[in-house]
């Protein structure tokens, strides 16, 4: 039985690398289906369906395009998500909000007395 996200030890966790691979493949596959439909339909109108018929020719365009887009999108998404801990920490430090103290800020008395 799957564990709900909120009850996992250590708090919430993001999607795993395998989840991101599947998500990239599905996104690329859906984009590929649409592009394959547009490109295949255009070619069928221009040059005719050929010996396989209209639906089979259109299906071949759509499946070929979906497989290609899905494969490269899955690989690209996986490569993009892999990073070392050092790089992740450096990115977080570079983009954190600056710590600016107000002009009227008074240091605590204990630290002022230690300086004297």
C-alpha atoms as a PDB file:
ATOM      1  CA  UNK A   1       0.000   0.000   0.000  1.00  0.00           C
ATOM      2  CA  UNK A   2       1.496   3.393  -0.938  1.00  0.00           C
ATOM      3  CA  UNK A   3       2.391   5.806   1.831  1.00  0.00           C
ATOM      4  CA  UNK A   4       0.767   9.251   1.660  1.00  0.00           C
ATOM      5  CA  UNK A   5       3.221  12.080   1.028  1.00  0.00           C
ATOM      6  CA  UNK A   6       2.457  13.880   4.293  1.00  0.00           C
ATOM      7  CA  UNK A   7       3.249  10.859   6.498  1.00  0.00           C
ATOM      8  CA  UNK A   8       6.667  10.077   5.033  1.00  0.00           C
ATOM      9  CA  UNK A   9       9.536  10.372   7.521  1.00  0.00           C
ATOM     10  CA  UNK A  10      11.591  13.514   7.038  1.00  0.00           C
ATOM     11  CA  UNK A  11       8.778  15.586   5.539  1.00  0.00           C
ATOM     12  CA  UNK A  12       7.684  15.914   1.938  1.00  0.00           C
ATOM     13  CA  UNK A  13       9.907  14.689  -0.853  1.00  0.00           C
ATOM     14  CA  UNK A  14       9.907  15.675  -4.496  1.00  0.00           C
ATOM     15  CA  UNK A  15       9.424  13.270  -7.371  1.00  0.00           C
ATOM     16  CA  UNK A  16      12.162  10.711  -7.919  1.00  0.00           C
ATOM     17  CA  UNK A  17      14.358  10.586 -10.999  1.00  0.00           C
ATOM     18  CA  UNK A  18      12.260   7.735 -12.399  1.00  0.00           C
ATOM     19  CA  UNK A  19       9.092   9.791 -11.903  1.00  0.00           C
ATOM     20  CA  UNK A  20      10.689  12.694 -13.778  1.00  0.00           C
ATOM     21  CA  UNK A  21      11.796  10.334 -16.561  1.00  0.00           C
ATOM     22  CA  UNK A  22       8.218   9.091 -16.973  1.00  0.00           C
ATOM     23  CA  UNK A  23       6.829  12.618 -16.823  1.00  0.00           C
ATOM     24  CA  UNK A  24       9.264  13.811 -19.521  1.00  0.00           C
ATOM     25  CA  UNK A  25       8.398  10.827 -21.695  1.00  0.00           C
ATOM     26  CA  UNK A  26       4.682  11.489 -21.390  1.00  0.00           C
ATOM     27  CA  UNK A  27       5.059  15.191 -22.142  1.00  0.00           C
ATOM     28  CA  UNK A  28       7.263  14.503 -25.152  1.00  0.00           C
ATOM     29  CA  UNK A  29       4.930  11.764 -26.344  1.00  0.00           C
ATOM     30  CA  UNK A  30       1.892  14.008 -26.216  1.00  0.00           C
ATOM     31  CA  UNK A  31       3.689  16.819 -28.037  1.00  0.00           C
ATOM     32  CA  UNK A  32       4.957  14.283 -30.569  1.00  0.00           C
ATOM     33  CA  UNK A  33       1.438  12.987 -31.212  1.00  0.00           C
ATOM     34  CA  UNK A  34       0.200  16.478 -31.982  1.00  0.00           C
ATOM     35  CA  UNK A  35       3.177  17.347 -34.188  1.00  0.00           C
ATOM     36  CA  UNK A  36       2.879  13.968 -35.940  1.00  0.00           C
ATOM     37  CA  UNK A  37      -0.805  14.579 -36.601  1.00  0.00           C
ATOM     38  CA  UNK A  38      -0.146  18.016 -38.089  1.00  0.00           C
ATOM     39  CA  UNK A  39       2.832  16.884 -40.171  1.00  0.00           C
ATOM     40  CA  UNK A  40       1.181  13.624 -41.287  1.00  0.00           C
ATOM     41  CA  UNK A  41      -2.112  15.270 -42.200  1.00  0.00           C
ATOM     42  CA  UNK A  42      -0.258  17.913 -44.200  1.00  0.00           C
ATOM     43  CA  UNK A  43       1.734  15.288 -46.102  1.00  0.00           C
ATOM     44  CA  UNK A  44      -1.373  13.188 -46.771  1.00  0.00           C
ATOM     45  CA  UNK A  45      -3.148  16.208 -48.232  1.00  0.00           C
ATOM     46  CA  UNK A  46      -0.100  17.111 -50.361  1.00  0.00           C
ATOM     47  CA  UNK A  47       1.006  13.709 -51.623  1.00  0.00           C
ATOM     48  CA  UNK A  48      -1.908  11.388 -50.944  1.00  0.00           C
ATOM     49  CA  UNK A  49      -2.197   8.496 -48.485  1.00  0.00           C
ATOM     50  CA  UNK A  50      -0.164   6.026 -50.518  1.00  0.00           C
ATOM     51  CA  UNK A  51      -0.671   2.247 -50.575  1.00  0.00           C
ATOM     52  CA  UNK A  52      -1.246   1.935 -46.790  1.00  0.00           C
ATOM     53  CA  UNK A  53      -4.338   4.111 -46.665  1.00  0.00           C
ATOM     54  CA  UNK A  54      -4.995   7.323 -44.838  1.00  0.00           C
ATOM     55  CA  UNK A  55      -5.376   6.113 -41.231  1.00  0.00           C
ATOM     56  CA  UNK A  56      -2.368   3.810 -41.246  1.00  0.00           C
ATOM     57  CA  UNK A  57      -0.146   6.459 -42.820  1.00  0.00           C
ATOM     58  CA  UNK A  58      -1.313   9.087 -40.327  1.00  0.00           C
ATOM     59  CA  UNK A  59      -0.790   6.634 -37.462  1.00  0.00           C
ATOM     60  CA  UNK A  60       2.756   5.922 -38.581  1.00  0.00           C
ATOM     61  CA  UNK A  61       3.566   9.636 -38.624  1.00  0.00           C
ATOM     62  CA  UNK A  62       2.009  10.153 -35.213  1.00  0.00           C
ATOM     63  CA  UNK A  63       3.624   7.152 -33.508  1.00  0.00           C
ATOM     64  CA  UNK A  64       7.047   7.830 -35.005  1.00  0.00           C
ATOM     65  CA  UNK A  65       6.964  11.443 -33.932  1.00  0.00           C
ATOM     66  CA  UNK A  66       5.627  10.590 -30.455  1.00  0.00           C
ATOM     67  CA  UNK A  67       8.336   7.972 -29.888  1.00  0.00           C
ATOM     68  CA  UNK A  68      11.098  10.344 -30.992  1.00  0.00           C
ATOM     69  CA  UNK A  69       9.878  13.335 -28.982  1.00  0.00           C
ATOM     70  CA  UNK A  70       9.135  11.185 -25.935  1.00  0.00           C
ATOM     71  CA  UNK A  71      12.555   9.510 -25.977  1.00  0.00           C
ATOM     72  CA  UNK A  72      14.517  12.742 -26.192  1.00  0.00           C
ATOM     73  CA  UNK A  73      12.299  14.578 -23.724  1.00  0.00           C
ATOM     74  CA  UNK A  74      12.661  11.767 -21.179  1.00  0.00           C
ATOM     75  CA  UNK A  75      16.446  11.792 -21.502  1.00  0.00           C
ATOM     76  CA  UNK A  76      16.575  15.582 -21.341  1.00  0.00           C
ATOM     77  CA  UNK A  77      14.390  15.725 -18.249  1.00  0.00           C
ATOM     78  CA  UNK A  78      16.490  13.093 -16.495  1.00  0.00           C
ATOM     79  CA  UNK A  79      19.781  14.811 -17.307  1.00  0.00           C
ATOM     80  CA  UNK A  80      18.386  18.146 -16.193  1.00  0.00           C
ATOM     81  CA  UNK A  81      17.333  16.828 -12.765  1.00  0.00           C
ATOM     82  CA  UNK A  82      20.611  15.145 -11.850  1.00  0.00           C
ATOM     83  CA  UNK A  83      22.884  17.414  -9.879  1.00  0.00           C
ATOM     84  CA  UNK A  84      25.415  17.057  -7.126  1.00  0.00           C
ATOM     85  CA  UNK A  85      24.784  18.219  -3.573  1.00  0.00           C
ATOM     86  CA  UNK A  86      27.559  20.811  -3.872  1.00  0.00           C
ATOM     87  CA  UNK A  87      25.986  22.367  -6.971  1.00  0.00           C
ATOM     88  CA  UNK A  88      22.543  22.425  -5.344  1.00  0.00           C
ATOM     89  CA  UNK A  89      23.900  24.171  -2.231  1.00  0.00           C
ATOM     90  CA  UNK A  90      25.858  26.693  -4.313  1.00  0.00           C
ATOM     91  CA  UNK A  91      22.739  27.504  -6.340  1.00  0.00           C
ATOM     92  CA  UNK A  92      20.678  27.969  -3.172  1.00  0.00           C
ATOM     93  CA  UNK A  93      23.307  30.283  -1.652  1.00  0.00           C
ATOM     94  CA  UNK A  94      23.572  32.341  -4.828  1.00  0.00           C
ATOM     95  CA  UNK A  95      19.829  32.929  -5.045  1.00  0.00           C
ATOM     96  CA  UNK A  96      18.920  33.399  -1.388  1.00  0.00           C
ATOM     97  CA  UNK A  97      17.445  36.668  -0.227  1.00  0.00           C
ATOM     98  CA  UNK A  98      20.042  39.147   1.021  1.00  0.00           C
ATOM     99  CA  UNK A  99      20.103  39.769   4.745  1.00  0.00           C
ATOM    100  CA  UNK A 100      19.688  43.499   5.184  1.00  0.00           C
ATOM    101  CA  UNK A 101      19.422  44.940   8.672  1.00  0.00           C
ATOM    102  CA  UNK A 102      17.324  48.027   9.290  1.00  0.00           C
ATOM    103  CA  UNK A 103      19.214  51.237   9.987  1.00  0.00           C
ATOM    104  CA  UNK A 104      17.861  51.470  13.514  1.00  0.00           C
ATOM    105  CA  UNK A 105      18.998  47.949  14.414  1.00  0.00           C
ATOM    106  CA  UNK A 106      20.684  47.764  17.817  1.00  0.00           C
ATOM    107  CA  UNK A 107      23.089  44.912  18.498  1.00  0.00           C
ATOM    108  CA  UNK A 108      22.349  43.028  21.714  1.00  0.00           C
ATOM    109  CA  UNK A 109      23.964  44.481  24.872  1.00  0.00           C
ATOM    110  CA  UNK A 110      26.014  41.389  25.581  1.00  0.00           C
ATOM    111  CA  UNK A 111      27.915  41.644  22.317  1.00  0.00           C
ATOM    112  CA  UNK A 112      28.596  45.405  22.837  1.00  0.00           C
ATOM    113  CA  UNK A 113      29.915  44.839  26.367  1.00  0.00           C
ATOM    114  CA  UNK A 114      32.253  42.058  25.202  1.00  0.00           C
ATOM    115  CA  UNK A 115      33.883  44.427  22.697  1.00  0.00           C
ATOM    116  CA  UNK A 116      34.713  47.005  25.435  1.00  0.00           C
END
